[in-house]
Amino acid sequence: SGGALRAYGVGWFRQAPGKDREFVAADSWSAYSIGSWSASYT
């Protein structure tokens, strides 16, 4: 809320007990490919 999420890169992170927060997955509108979403996963 408060903004259109399509304009943002969004990431999912997780933190297990006693461990550092770690990257899980993320995506955003690709700046290099018209009409394409770019995603990454650990």
Full PDB file with SEQRES, HELIX, SHEET, SSBOND, CRYST1, ORIGX, SCALE, CONECT and MASTER records, all heavy atoms in Angstrom:
SEQRES   1 A   42  SER GLY GLY ALA LEU ARG ALA TYR GLY VAL GLY TRP PHE          
SEQRES   2 A   42  ARG GLN ALA PRO GLY LYS ASP ARG GLU PHE VAL ALA ALA          
SEQRES   3 A   42  ASP SER TRP SER ALA TYR SER ILE GLY SER TRP SER ALA          
SEQRES   4 A   42  SER TYR THR                                                  
HELIX    1 AA1 LEU A    5  ALA A    7  5                                   3    
SHEET    1 AA1 3 VAL A  10  ARG A  14  0                                        
SHEET    2 AA1 3 GLU A  22  TRP A  29 -1                                        
SHEET    3 AA1 3 TRP A  37  TYR A  41 -1                                        
CRYST1    1.000    1.000    1.000  90.00  90.00  90.00 P 1           1          
ORIGX1      1.000000  0.000000  0.000000        0.00000                         
ORIGX2      0.000000  1.000000  0.000000        0.00000                         
ORIGX3      0.000000  0.000000  1.000000        0.00000                         
SCALE1      1.000000  0.000000  0.000000        0.00000                         
SCALE2      0.000000  1.000000  0.000000        0.00000                         
SCALE3      0.000000  0.000000  1.000000        0.00000                         
ATOM      1  N   SER A   1       0.859  -1.180   0.000  1.00  0.00           N  
ATOM      2  CA  SER A   1       0.000   0.000   0.000  1.00  0.00           C  
ATOM      3  C   SER A   1       0.893   1.227   0.000  1.00  0.00           C  
ATOM      4  O   SER A   1       2.043   1.167   0.421  1.00  0.00           O  
ATOM      5  CB  SER A   1      -0.929   0.008   1.215  1.00  0.00           C  
ATOM      6  OG  SER A   1      -0.176  -0.032   2.418  1.00  0.00           O  
ATOM      7  N   GLY A   2       0.365   2.321  -0.526  1.00  0.00           N  
ATOM      8  CA  GLY A   2       1.142   3.553  -0.562  1.00  0.00           C  
ATOM      9  C   GLY A   2       2.015   3.702  -1.783  1.00  0.00           C  
ATOM     10  O   GLY A   2       2.761   4.679  -1.884  1.00  0.00           O  
ATOM     11  N   GLY A   3       1.934   2.744  -2.690  1.00  0.00           N  
ATOM     12  CA  GLY A   3       2.737   2.837  -3.901  1.00  0.00           C  
ATOM     13  C   GLY A   3       2.431   1.687  -4.833  1.00  0.00           C  
ATOM     14  O   GLY A   3       1.976   0.632  -4.384  1.00  0.00           O  
ATOM     15  N   ALA A   4       2.679   1.889  -6.112  1.00  0.00           N  
ATOM     16  CA  ALA A   4       2.444   0.839  -7.104  1.00  0.00           C  
ATOM     17  C   ALA A   4       3.644  -0.094  -7.128  1.00  0.00           C  
ATOM     18  O   ALA A   4       4.748   0.303  -7.518  1.00  0.00           O  
ATOM     19  CB  ALA A   4       2.217   1.453  -8.472  1.00  0.00           C  
ATOM     20  N   LEU A   5       3.431  -1.334  -6.725  1.00  0.00           N  
ATOM     21  CA  LEU A   5       4.527  -2.288  -6.566  1.00  0.00           C  
ATOM     22  C   LEU A   5       5.232  -2.594  -7.872  1.00  0.00           C  
ATOM     23  O   LEU A   5       6.404  -2.995  -7.878  1.00  0.00           O  
ATOM     24  CB  LEU A   5       3.992  -3.573  -5.922  1.00  0.00           C  
ATOM     25  CG  LEU A   5       4.958  -4.374  -5.049  1.00  0.00           C  
ATOM     26  CD1 LEU A   5       5.611  -3.502  -4.004  1.00  0.00           C  
ATOM     27  CD2 LEU A   5       4.237  -5.544  -4.426  1.00  0.00           C  
ATOM     28  N   ARG A   6       4.551  -2.396  -8.991  1.00  0.00           N  
ATOM     29  CA  ARG A   6       5.179  -2.702 -10.275  1.00  0.00           C  
ATOM     30  C   ARG A   6       6.381  -1.801 -10.537  1.00  0.00           C  
ATOM     31  O   ARG A   6       7.224  -2.137 -11.355  1.00  0.00           O  
ATOM     32  CB  ARG A   6       4.166  -2.575 -11.399  1.00  0.00           C  
ATOM     33  CG  ARG A   6       3.627  -1.172 -11.633  1.00  0.00           C  
ATOM     34  CD  ARG A   6       2.644  -1.152 -12.805  1.00  0.00           C  
ATOM     35  NE  ARG A   6       2.110   0.185 -13.029  1.00  0.00           N  
ATOM     36  CZ  ARG A   6       1.025   0.655 -12.415  1.00  0.00           C  
ATOM     37  NH1 ARG A   6       0.381  -0.112 -11.558  1.00  0.00           N  
ATOM     38  NH2 ARG A   6       0.600   1.863 -12.663  1.00  0.00           N  
ATOM     39  N   ALA A   7       6.462  -0.674  -9.857  1.00  0.00           N  
ATOM     40  CA  ALA A   7       7.582   0.248 -10.036  1.00  0.00           C  
ATOM     41  C   ALA A   7       8.763  -0.105  -9.140  1.00  0.00           C  
ATOM     42  O   ALA A   7       9.793   0.581  -9.170  1.00  0.00           O  
ATOM     43  CB  ALA A   7       7.134   1.673  -9.760  1.00  0.00           C  
ATOM     44  N   TYR A   8       8.611  -1.161  -8.350  1.00  0.00           N  
ATOM     45  CA  TYR A   8       9.622  -1.517  -7.375  1.00  0.00           C  
ATOM     46  C   TYR A   8      10.202  -2.890  -7.661  1.00  0.00           C  
ATOM     47  O   TYR A   8       9.512  -3.793  -8.141  1.00  0.00           O  
ATOM     48  CB  TYR A   8       9.026  -1.541  -5.963  1.00  0.00           C  
ATOM     49  CG  TYR A   8       8.634  -0.179  -5.438  1.00  0.00           C  
ATOM     50  CD1 TYR A   8       7.441   0.406  -5.818  1.00  0.00           C  
ATOM     51  CD2 TYR A   8       9.458   0.495  -4.545  1.00  0.00           C  
ATOM     52  CE1 TYR A   8       7.081   1.662  -5.331  1.00  0.00           C  
ATOM     53  CE2 TYR A   8       9.101   1.747  -4.049  1.00  0.00           C  
ATOM     54  CZ  TYR A   8       7.916   2.315  -4.449  1.00  0.00           C  
ATOM     55  OH  TYR A   8       7.558   3.544  -3.970  1.00  0.00           O  
ATOM     56  N   GLY A   9      11.489  -3.031  -7.346  1.00  0.00           N  
ATOM     57  CA  GLY A   9      12.068  -4.352  -7.239  1.00  0.00           C  
ATOM     58  C   GLY A   9      11.649  -4.930  -5.892  1.00  0.00           C  
ATOM     59  O   GLY A   9      11.681  -4.221  -4.872  1.00  0.00           O  
ATOM     60  N   VAL A  10      11.229  -6.170  -5.893  1.00  0.00           N  
ATOM     61  CA  VAL A  10      10.761  -6.799  -4.659  1.00  0.00           C  
ATOM     62  C   VAL A  10      11.598  -8.037  -4.366  1.00  0.00           C  
ATOM     63  O   VAL A  10      11.829  -8.863  -5.241  1.00  0.00           O  
ATOM     64  CB  VAL A  10       9.282  -7.188  -4.763  1.00  0.00           C  
ATOM     65  CG1 VAL A  10       8.845  -7.972  -3.518  1.00  0.00           C  
ATOM     66  CG2 VAL A  10       8.417  -5.943  -4.918  1.00  0.00           C  
ATOM     67  N   GLY A  11      12.032  -8.140  -3.143  1.00  0.00           N  
ATOM     68  CA  GLY A  11      12.816  -9.300  -2.726  1.00  0.00           C  
ATOM     69  C   GLY A  11      12.167 -10.029  -1.573  1.00  0.00           C  
ATOM     70  O   GLY A  11      11.438  -9.423  -0.777  1.00  0.00           O  
ATOM     71  N   TRP A  12      12.394 -11.326  -1.515  1.00  0.00           N  
ATOM     72  CA  TRP A  12      12.020 -12.134  -0.364  1.00  0.00           C  
ATOM     73  C   TRP A  12      13.312 -12.549   0.334  1.00  0.00           C  
ATOM     74  O   TRP A  12      14.254 -13.030  -0.316  1.00  0.00           O  
ATOM     75  CB  TRP A  12      11.236 -13.368  -0.773  1.00  0.00           C  
ATOM     76  CG  TRP A  12       9.822 -13.106  -1.174  1.00  0.00           C  
ATOM     77  CD1 TRP A  12       9.339 -12.910  -2.434  1.00  0.00           C  
ATOM     78  CD2 TRP A  12       8.692 -13.015  -0.295  1.00  0.00           C  
ATOM     79  NE1 TRP A  12       7.984 -12.694  -2.389  1.00  0.00           N  
ATOM     80  CE2 TRP A  12       7.560 -12.760  -1.092  1.00  0.00           C  
ATOM     81  CE3 TRP A  12       8.530 -13.121   1.085  1.00  0.00           C  
ATOM     82  CZ2 TRP A  12       6.279 -12.609  -0.553  1.00  0.00           C  
ATOM     83  CZ3 TRP A  12       7.256 -12.983   1.630  1.00  0.00           C  
ATOM     84  CH2 TRP A  12       6.149 -12.719   0.813  1.00  0.00           C  
ATOM     85  N   PHE A  13      13.342 -12.369   1.629  1.00  0.00           N  
ATOM     86  CA  PHE A  13      14.473 -12.753   2.455  1.00  0.00           C  
ATOM     87  C   PHE A  13      13.954 -13.619   3.595  1.00  0.00           C  
ATOM     88  O   PHE A  13      12.762 -13.618   3.900  1.00  0.00           O  
ATOM     89  CB  PHE A  13      15.183 -11.520   3.016  1.00  0.00           C  
ATOM     90  CG  PHE A  13      15.830 -10.663   1.966  1.00  0.00           C  
ATOM     91  CD1 PHE A  13      15.085  -9.757   1.223  1.00  0.00           C  
ATOM     92  CD2 PHE A  13      17.182 -10.774   1.699  1.00  0.00           C  
ATOM     93  CE1 PHE A  13      15.674  -8.980   0.246  1.00  0.00           C  
ATOM     94  CE2 PHE A  13      17.791  -9.993   0.728  1.00  0.00           C  
ATOM     95  CZ  PHE A  13      17.032  -9.098   0.001  1.00  0.00           C  
ATOM     96  N   ARG A  14      14.851 -14.355   4.222  1.00  0.00           N  
ATOM     97  CA  ARG A  14      14.440 -15.157   5.367  1.00  0.00           C  
ATOM     98  C   ARG A  14      15.534 -15.149   6.418  1.00  0.00           C  
ATOM     99  O   ARG A  14      16.711 -14.964   6.115  1.00  0.00           O  
ATOM    100  CB  ARG A  14      14.120 -16.591   4.948  1.00  0.00           C  
ATOM    101  CG  ARG A  14      15.310 -17.379   4.400  1.00  0.00           C  
ATOM    102  CD  ARG A  14      14.823 -18.719   3.870  1.00  0.00           C  
ATOM    103  NE  ARG A  14      15.939 -19.499   3.335  1.00  0.00           N  
ATOM    104  CZ  ARG A  14      15.782 -20.651   2.676  1.00  0.00           C  
ATOM    105  NH1 ARG A  14      14.564 -21.147   2.461  1.00  0.00           N  
ATOM    106  NH2 ARG A  14      16.835 -21.302   2.235  1.00  0.00           N  
ATOM    107  N   GLN A  15      15.100 -15.360   7.639  1.00  0.00           N  
ATOM    108  CA  GLN A  15      16.037 -15.411   8.748  1.00  0.00           C  
ATOM    109  C   GLN A  15      15.648 -16.538   9.687  1.00  0.00           C  
ATOM    110  O   GLN A  15      14.554 -16.529  10.269  1.00  0.00           O  
ATOM    111  CB  GLN A  15      16.074 -14.085   9.511  1.00  0.00           C  
ATOM    112  CG  GLN A  15      17.162 -14.030  10.575  1.00  0.00           C  
ATOM    113  CD  GLN A  15      17.404 -12.631  11.090  1.00  0.00           C  
ATOM    114  OE1 GLN A  15      16.556 -11.755  10.993  1.00  0.00           O  
ATOM    115  NE2 GLN A  15      18.590 -12.404  11.639  1.00  0.00           N  
ATOM    116  N   ALA A  16      16.538 -17.510   9.799  1.00  0.00           N  
ATOM    117  CA  ALA A  16      16.342 -18.622  10.711  1.00  0.00           C  
ATOM    118  C   ALA A  16      16.940 -18.270  12.073  1.00  0.00           C  
ATOM    119  O   ALA A  16      17.830 -17.416  12.155  1.00  0.00           O  
ATOM    120  CB  ALA A  16      16.999 -19.882  10.152  1.00  0.00           C  
ATOM    121  N   PRO A  17      16.496 -18.926  13.136  1.00  0.00           N  
ATOM    122  CA  PRO A  17      17.032 -18.628  14.469  1.00  0.00           C  
ATOM    123  C   PRO A  17      18.539 -18.784  14.518  1.00  0.00           C  
ATOM    124  O   PRO A  17      19.090 -19.795  14.070  1.00  0.00           O  
ATOM    125  CB  PRO A  17      16.332 -19.671  15.353  1.00  0.00           C  
ATOM    126  CG  PRO A  17      15.070 -19.978  14.642  1.00  0.00           C  
ATOM    127  CD  PRO A  17      15.407 -19.910  13.181  1.00  0.00           C  
ATOM    128  N   GLY A  18      19.216 -17.754  15.037  1.00  0.00           N  
ATOM    129  CA  GLY A  18      20.659 -17.813  15.185  1.00  0.00           C  
ATOM    130  C   GLY A  18      21.454 -17.595  13.907  1.00  0.00           C  
ATOM    131  O   GLY A  18      22.675 -17.736  13.914  1.00  0.00           O  
ATOM    132  N   LYS A  19      20.744 -17.272  12.830  1.00  0.00           N  
ATOM    133  CA  LYS A  19      21.428 -17.085  11.546  1.00  0.00           C  
ATOM    134  C   LYS A  19      21.171 -15.679  11.002  1.00  0.00           C  
ATOM    135  O   LYS A  19      20.227 -15.003  11.403  1.00  0.00           O  
ATOM    136  CB  LYS A  19      20.961 -18.128  10.536  1.00  0.00           C  
ATOM    137  CG  LYS A  19      21.344 -19.548  10.898  1.00  0.00           C  
ATOM    138  CD  LYS A  19      20.998 -20.501   9.764  1.00  0.00           C  
ATOM    139  CE  LYS A  19      21.450 -21.918  10.083  1.00  0.00           C  
ATOM    140  NZ  LYS A  19      21.132 -22.861   8.951  1.00  0.00           N  
ATOM    141  N   ASP A  20      22.024 -15.273  10.071  1.00  0.00           N  
ATOM    142  CA  ASP A  20      21.838 -13.989   9.420  1.00  0.00           C  
ATOM    143  C   ASP A  20      20.678 -14.065   8.434  1.00  0.00           C  
ATOM    144  O   ASP A  20      20.323 -15.142   7.935  1.00  0.00           O  
ATOM    145  CB  ASP A  20      23.113 -13.592   8.672  1.00  0.00           C  
ATOM    146  CG  ASP A  20      24.257 -13.281   9.609  1.00  0.00           C  
ATOM    147  OD1 ASP A  20      23.995 -12.912  10.774  1.00  0.00           O  
ATOM    148  OD2 ASP A  20      25.416 -13.402   9.167  1.00  0.00           O  
ATOM    149  N   ARG A  21      20.109 -12.924   8.161  1.00  0.00           N  
ATOM    150  CA  ARG A  21      19.067 -12.864   7.134  1.00  0.00           C  
ATOM    151  C   ARG A  21      19.698 -13.159   5.780  1.00  0.00           C  
ATOM    152  O   ARG A  21      20.796 -12.688   5.475  1.00  0.00           O  
ATOM    153  CB  ARG A  21      18.425 -11.478   7.150  1.00  0.00           C  
ATOM    154  CG  ARG A  21      17.219 -11.337   6.253  1.00  0.00           C  
ATOM    155  CD  ARG A  21      16.415 -10.103   6.634  1.00  0.00           C  
ATOM    156  NE  ARG A  21      17.219  -8.893   6.607  1.00  0.00           N  
ATOM    157  CZ  ARG A  21      16.814  -7.731   7.099  1.00  0.00           C  
ATOM    158  NH1 ARG A  21      15.612  -7.628   7.664  1.00  0.00           N  
ATOM    159  NH2 ARG A  21      17.592  -6.664   7.028  1.00  0.00           N  
ATOM    160  N   GLU A  22      19.003 -13.945   4.968  1.00  0.00           N  
ATOM    161  CA  GLU A  22      19.553 -14.329   3.674  1.00  0.00           C  
ATOM    162  C   GLU A  22      18.554 -14.077   2.549  1.00  0.00           C  
ATOM    163  O   GLU A  22      17.333 -14.118   2.746  1.00  0.00           O  
ATOM    164  CB  GLU A  22      19.969 -15.807   3.671  1.00  0.00           C  
ATOM    165  CG  GLU A  22      18.824 -16.786   3.801  1.00  0.00           C  
ATOM    166  CD  GLU A  22      19.250 -18.225   3.564  1.00  0.00           C  
ATOM    167  OE1 GLU A  22      20.384 -18.465   3.112  1.00  0.00           O  
ATOM    168  OE2 GLU A  22      18.431 -19.113   3.827  1.00  0.00           O  
ATOM    169  N   PHE A  23      19.092 -13.849   1.387  1.00  0.00           N  
ATOM    170  CA  PHE A  23      18.291 -13.638   0.187  1.00  0.00           C  
ATOM    171  C   PHE A  23      17.635 -14.950  -0.237  1.00  0.00           C  
ATOM    172  O   PHE A  23      18.247 -16.015  -0.177  1.00  0.00           O  
ATOM    173  CB  PHE A  23      19.190 -13.122  -0.936  1.00  0.00           C  
ATOM    174  CG  PHE A  23      18.543 -13.121  -2.286  1.00  0.00           C  
ATOM    175  CD1 PHE A  23      17.654 -12.124  -2.640  1.00  0.00           C  
ATOM    176  CD2 PHE A  23      18.822 -14.119  -3.209  1.00  0.00           C  
ATOM    177  CE1 PHE A  23      17.051 -12.117  -3.885  1.00  0.00           C  
ATOM    178  CE2 PHE A  23      18.242 -14.134  -4.447  1.00  0.00           C  
ATOM    179  CZ  PHE A  23      17.350 -13.128  -4.793  1.00  0.00           C  
ATOM    180  N   VAL A  24      16.398 -14.860  -0.681  1.00  0.00           N  
ATOM    181  CA  VAL A  24      15.673 -16.032  -1.173  1.00  0.00           C  
ATOM    182  C   VAL A  24      15.328 -15.869  -2.658  1.00  0.00           C  
ATOM    183  O   VAL A  24      15.682 -16.707  -3.480  1.00  0.00           O  
ATOM    184  CB  VAL A  24      14.378 -16.270  -0.372  1.00  0.00           C  
ATOM    185  CG1 VAL A  24      13.594 -17.447  -0.954  1.00  0.00           C  
ATOM    186  CG2 VAL A  24      14.690 -16.510   1.091  1.00  0.00           C  
ATOM    187  N   ALA A  25      14.630 -14.802  -2.997  1.00  0.00           N  
ATOM    188  CA  ALA A  25      14.186 -14.585  -4.367  1.00  0.00           C  
ATOM    189  C   ALA A  25      13.849 -13.111  -4.544  1.00  0.00           C  
ATOM    190  O   ALA A  25      13.564 -12.413  -3.577  1.00  0.00           O  
ATOM    191  CB  ALA A  25      12.972 -15.445  -4.695  1.00  0.00           C  
ATOM    192  N   ALA A  26      13.871 -12.673  -5.800  1.00  0.00           N  
ATOM    193  CA  ALA A  26      13.528 -11.279  -6.075  1.00  0.00           C  
ATOM    194  C   ALA A  26      13.165 -11.134  -7.534  1.00  0.00           C  
ATOM    195  O   ALA A  26      13.576 -11.946  -8.375  1.00  0.00           O  
ATOM    196  CB  ALA A  26      14.693 -10.337  -5.735  1.00  0.00           C  
ATOM    197  N   ASP A  27      12.406 -10.099  -7.847  1.00  0.00           N  
ATOM    198  CA  ASP A  27      12.167  -9.802  -9.240  1.00  0.00           C  
ATOM    199  C   ASP A  27      11.887  -8.319  -9.425  1.00  0.00           C  
ATOM    200  O   ASP A  27      11.621  -7.582  -8.479  1.00  0.00           O  
ATOM    201  CB  ASP A  27      11.032 -10.668  -9.821  1.00  0.00           C  
ATOM    202  CG  ASP A  27       9.629 -10.145  -9.524  1.00  0.00           C  
ATOM    203  OD1 ASP A  27       9.474  -9.280  -8.648  1.00  0.00           O  
ATOM    204  OD2 ASP A  27       8.680 -10.620 -10.180  1.00  0.00           O  
ATOM    205  N   SER A  28      11.993  -7.888 -10.667  1.00  0.00           N  
ATOM    206  CA  SER A  28      11.690  -6.513 -11.030  1.00  0.00           C  
ATOM    207  C   SER A  28      11.517  -6.454 -12.535  1.00  0.00           C  
ATOM    208  O   SER A  28      11.892  -7.378 -13.257  1.00  0.00           O  
ATOM    209  CB  SER A  28      12.798  -5.558 -10.573  1.00  0.00           C  
ATOM    210  OG  SER A  28      14.038  -5.924 -11.136  1.00  0.00           O  
ATOM    211  N   TRP A  29      10.964  -5.345 -12.984  1.00  0.00           N  
ATOM    212  CA  TRP A  29      10.812  -5.151 -14.416  1.00  0.00           C  
ATOM    213  C   TRP A  29      12.194  -4.974 -15.027  1.00  0.00           C  
ATOM    214  O   TRP A  29      12.971  -4.171 -14.562  1.00  0.00           O  
ATOM    215  CB  TRP A  29       9.933  -3.943 -14.668  1.00  0.00           C  
ATOM    216  CG  TRP A  29       9.539  -3.754 -16.089  1.00  0.00           C  
ATOM    217  CD1 TRP A  29      10.044  -2.867 -16.972  1.00  0.00           C  
ATOM    218  CD2 TRP A  29       8.563  -4.498 -16.801  1.00  0.00           C  
ATOM    219  NE1 TRP A  29       9.437  -2.994 -18.189  1.00  0.00           N  
ATOM    220  CE2 TRP A  29       8.516  -3.994 -18.110  1.00  0.00           C  
ATOM    221  CE3 TRP A  29       7.703  -5.555 -16.448  1.00  0.00           C  
ATOM    222  CZ2 TRP A  29       7.656  -4.500 -19.070  1.00  0.00           C  
ATOM    223  CZ3 TRP A  29       6.835  -6.052 -17.416  1.00  0.00           C  
ATOM    224  CH2 TRP A  29       6.823  -5.527 -18.705  1.00  0.00           C  
ATOM    225  N   SER A  30      12.495  -5.722 -16.021  1.00  0.00           N  
ATOM    226  CA  SER A  30      13.834  -5.678 -16.588  1.00  0.00           C  
ATOM    227  C   SER A  30      14.051  -4.369 -17.326  1.00  0.00           C  
ATOM    228  O   SER A  30      13.249  -3.971 -18.158  1.00  0.00           O  
ATOM    229  CB  SER A  30      14.036  -6.837 -17.564  1.00  0.00           C  
ATOM    230  OG  SER A  30      15.272  -6.696 -18.218  1.00  0.00           O  
ATOM    231  N   ALA A  31      15.162  -3.741 -17.002  1.00  0.00           N  
ATOM    232  CA  ALA A  31      15.503  -2.499 -17.684  1.00  0.00           C  
ATOM    233  C   ALA A  31      16.118  -2.774 -19.045  1.00  0.00           C  
ATOM    234  O   ALA A  31      16.316  -1.856 -19.840  1.00  0.00           O  
ATOM    235  CB  ALA A  31      16.483  -1.691 -16.844  1.00  0.00           C  
ATOM    236  N   TYR A  32      16.392  -4.028 -19.324  1.00  0.00           N  
ATOM    237  CA  TYR A  32      17.144  -4.351 -20.529  1.00  0.00           C  
ATOM    238  C   TYR A  32      16.331  -5.131 -21.547  1.00  0.00           C  
ATOM    239  O   TYR A  32      16.766  -5.374 -22.646  1.00  0.00           O  
ATOM    240  CB  TYR A  32      18.394  -5.153 -20.160  1.00  0.00           C  
ATOM    241  CG  TYR A  32      19.263  -4.439 -19.165  1.00  0.00           C  
ATOM    242  CD1 TYR A  32      19.275  -4.829 -17.836  1.00  0.00           C  
ATOM    243  CD2 TYR A  32      20.051  -3.362 -19.532  1.00  0.00           C  
ATOM    244  CE1 TYR A  32      20.050  -4.170 -16.904  1.00  0.00           C  
ATOM    245  CE2 TYR A  32      20.824  -2.692 -18.602  1.00  0.00           C  
ATOM    246  CZ  TYR A  32      20.819  -3.102 -17.305  1.00  0.00           C  
ATOM    247  OH  TYR A  32      21.576  -2.442 -16.384  1.00  0.00           O  
ATOM    248  N   SER A  33      15.133  -5.535 -21.139  1.00  0.00           N  
ATOM    249  CA  SER A  33      14.316  -6.330 -22.045  1.00  0.00           C  
ATOM    250  C   SER A  33      12.883  -5.838 -21.977  1.00  0.00           C  
ATOM    251  O   SER A  33      12.231  -5.965 -20.950  1.00  0.00           O  
ATOM    252  CB  SER A  33      14.393  -7.807 -21.660  1.00  0.00           C  
ATOM    253  OG  SER A  33      13.594  -8.592 -22.514  1.00  0.00           O  
ATOM    254  N   ILE A  34      12.409  -5.257 -23.043  1.00  0.00           N  
ATOM    255  CA  ILE A  34      11.071  -4.687 -23.045  1.00  0.00           C  
ATOM    256  C   ILE A  34      10.037  -5.777 -22.799  1.00  0.00           C  
ATOM    257  O   ILE A  34      10.052  -6.829 -23.407  1.00  0.00           O  
ATOM    258  CB  ILE A  34      10.808  -3.988 -24.387  1.00  0.00           C  
ATOM    259  CG1 ILE A  34      11.775  -2.811 -24.559  1.00  0.00           C  
ATOM    260  CG2 ILE A  34       9.364  -3.530 -24.478  1.00  0.00           C  
ATOM    261  CD1 ILE A  34      11.690  -2.146 -25.899  1.00  0.00           C  
ATOM    262  N   GLY A  35       9.145  -5.504 -21.898  1.00  0.00           N  
ATOM    263  CA  GLY A  35       8.062  -6.447 -21.627  1.00  0.00           C  
ATOM    264  C   GLY A  35       8.518  -7.683 -20.889  1.00  0.00           C  
ATOM    265  O   GLY A  35       7.960  -8.760 -21.085  1.00  0.00           O  
ATOM    266  N   SER A  36       9.517  -7.549 -20.049  1.00  0.00           N  
ATOM    267  CA  SER A  36      10.043  -8.737 -19.391  1.00  0.00           C  
ATOM    268  C   SER A  36      10.288  -8.478 -17.920  1.00  0.00           C  
ATOM    269  O   SER A  36      10.779  -7.431 -17.524  1.00  0.00           O  
ATOM    270  CB  SER A  36      11.360  -9.142 -20.054  1.00  0.00           C  
ATOM    271  OG  SER A  36      12.001 -10.161 -19.319  1.00  0.00           O  
ATOM    272  N   TRP A  37       9.929  -9.452 -17.093  1.00  0.00           N  
ATOM    273  CA  TRP A  37      10.271  -9.442 -15.684  1.00  0.00           C  
ATOM    274  C   TRP A  37      11.516 -10.288 -15.504  1.00  0.00           C  
ATOM    275  O   TRP A  37      11.656 -11.342 -16.090  1.00  0.00           O  
ATOM    276  CB  TRP A  37       9.131 -10.000 -14.830  1.00  0.00           C  
ATOM    277  CG  TRP A  37       7.949  -9.090 -14.785  1.00  0.00           C  
ATOM    278  CD1 TRP A  37       6.865  -9.115 -15.605  1.00  0.00           C  
ATOM    279  CD2 TRP A  37       7.744  -8.007 -13.884  1.00  0.00           C  
ATOM    280  NE1 TRP A  37       5.995  -8.117 -15.273  1.00  0.00           N  
ATOM    281  CE2 TRP A  37       6.502  -7.422 -14.219  1.00  0.00           C  
ATOM    282  CE3 TRP A  37       8.474  -7.465 -12.823  1.00  0.00           C  
ATOM    283  CZ2 TRP A  37       5.983  -6.323 -13.542  1.00  0.00           C  
ATOM    284  CZ3 TRP A  37       7.955  -6.372 -12.143  1.00  0.00           C  
ATOM    285  CH2 TRP A  37       6.727  -5.819 -12.498  1.00  0.00           C  
ATOM    286  N   SER A  38      12.393  -9.789 -14.675  1.00  0.00           N  
ATOM    287  CA  SER A  38      13.637 -10.485 -14.392  1.00  0.00           C  
ATOM    288  C   SER A  38      13.604 -10.972 -12.958  1.00  0.00           C  
ATOM    289  O   SER A  38      13.244 -10.222 -12.048  1.00  0.00           O  
ATOM    290  CB  SER A  38      14.819  -9.531 -14.597  1.00  0.00           C  
ATOM    291  OG  SER A  38      16.035 -10.159 -14.230  1.00  0.00           O  
ATOM    292  N   ALA A  39      13.950 -12.228 -12.742  1.00  0.00           N  
ATOM    293  CA  ALA A  39      13.909 -12.799 -11.395  1.00  0.00           C  
ATOM    294  C   ALA A  39      15.218 -13.489 -11.059  1.00  0.00           C  
ATOM    295  O   ALA A  39      15.970 -13.895 -11.946  1.00  0.00           O  
ATOM    296  CB  ALA A  39      12.752 -13.791 -11.282  1.00  0.00           C  
ATOM    297  N   SER A  40      15.443 -13.620  -9.764  1.00  0.00           N  
ATOM    298  CA  SER A  40      16.643 -14.314  -9.293  1.00  0.00           C  
ATOM    299  C   SER A  40      16.279 -15.123  -8.062  1.00  0.00           C  
ATOM    300  O   SER A  40      15.416 -14.731  -7.268  1.00  0.00           O  
ATOM    301  CB  SER A  40      17.742 -13.302  -8.954  1.00  0.00           C  
ATOM    302  OG  SER A  40      18.892 -13.956  -8.472  1.00  0.00           O  
ATOM    303  N   TYR A  41      16.936 -16.262  -7.891  1.00  0.00           N  
ATOM    304  CA  TYR A  41      16.686 -17.149  -6.763  1.00  0.00           C  
ATOM    305  C   TYR A  41      18.017 -17.610  -6.173  1.00  0.00           C  
ATOM    306  O   TYR A  41      18.990 -17.826  -6.901  1.00  0.00           O  
ATOM    307  CB  TYR A  41      15.903 -18.393  -7.195  1.00  0.00           C  
ATOM    308  CG  TYR A  41      14.557 -18.118  -7.810  1.00  0.00           C  
ATOM    309  CD1 TYR A  41      14.421 -17.893  -9.175  1.00  0.00           C  
ATOM    310  CD2 TYR A  41      13.407 -18.089  -7.021  1.00  0.00           C  
ATOM    311  CE1 TYR A  41      13.179 -17.637  -9.740  1.00  0.00           C  
ATOM    312  CE2 TYR A  41      12.154 -17.839  -7.572  1.00  0.00           C  
ATOM    313  CZ  TYR A  41      12.055 -17.611  -8.934  1.00  0.00           C  
ATOM    314  OH  TYR A  41      10.828 -17.356  -9.480  1.00  0.00           O  
ATOM    315  N   THR A  42      18.021 -17.776  -4.868  1.00  0.00           N  
ATOM    316  CA  THR A  42      19.191 -18.394  -4.279  1.00  0.00           C  
ATOM    317  C   THR A  42      19.228 -19.870  -4.673  1.00  0.00           C  
ATOM    318  O   THR A  42      18.167 -20.475  -4.934  1.00  0.00           O  
ATOM    319  CB  THR A  42      19.181 -18.240  -2.750  1.00  0.00           C  
ATOM    320  OG1 THR A  42      20.452 -18.576  -2.225  1.00  0.00           O  
ATOM    321  CG2 THR A  42      18.091 -19.085  -2.105  1.00  0.00           C  
TER     322      THR A  42                                                      
MASTER        0    0    0    1    3    0    0    6  321    1    0    4          
END                                                                             
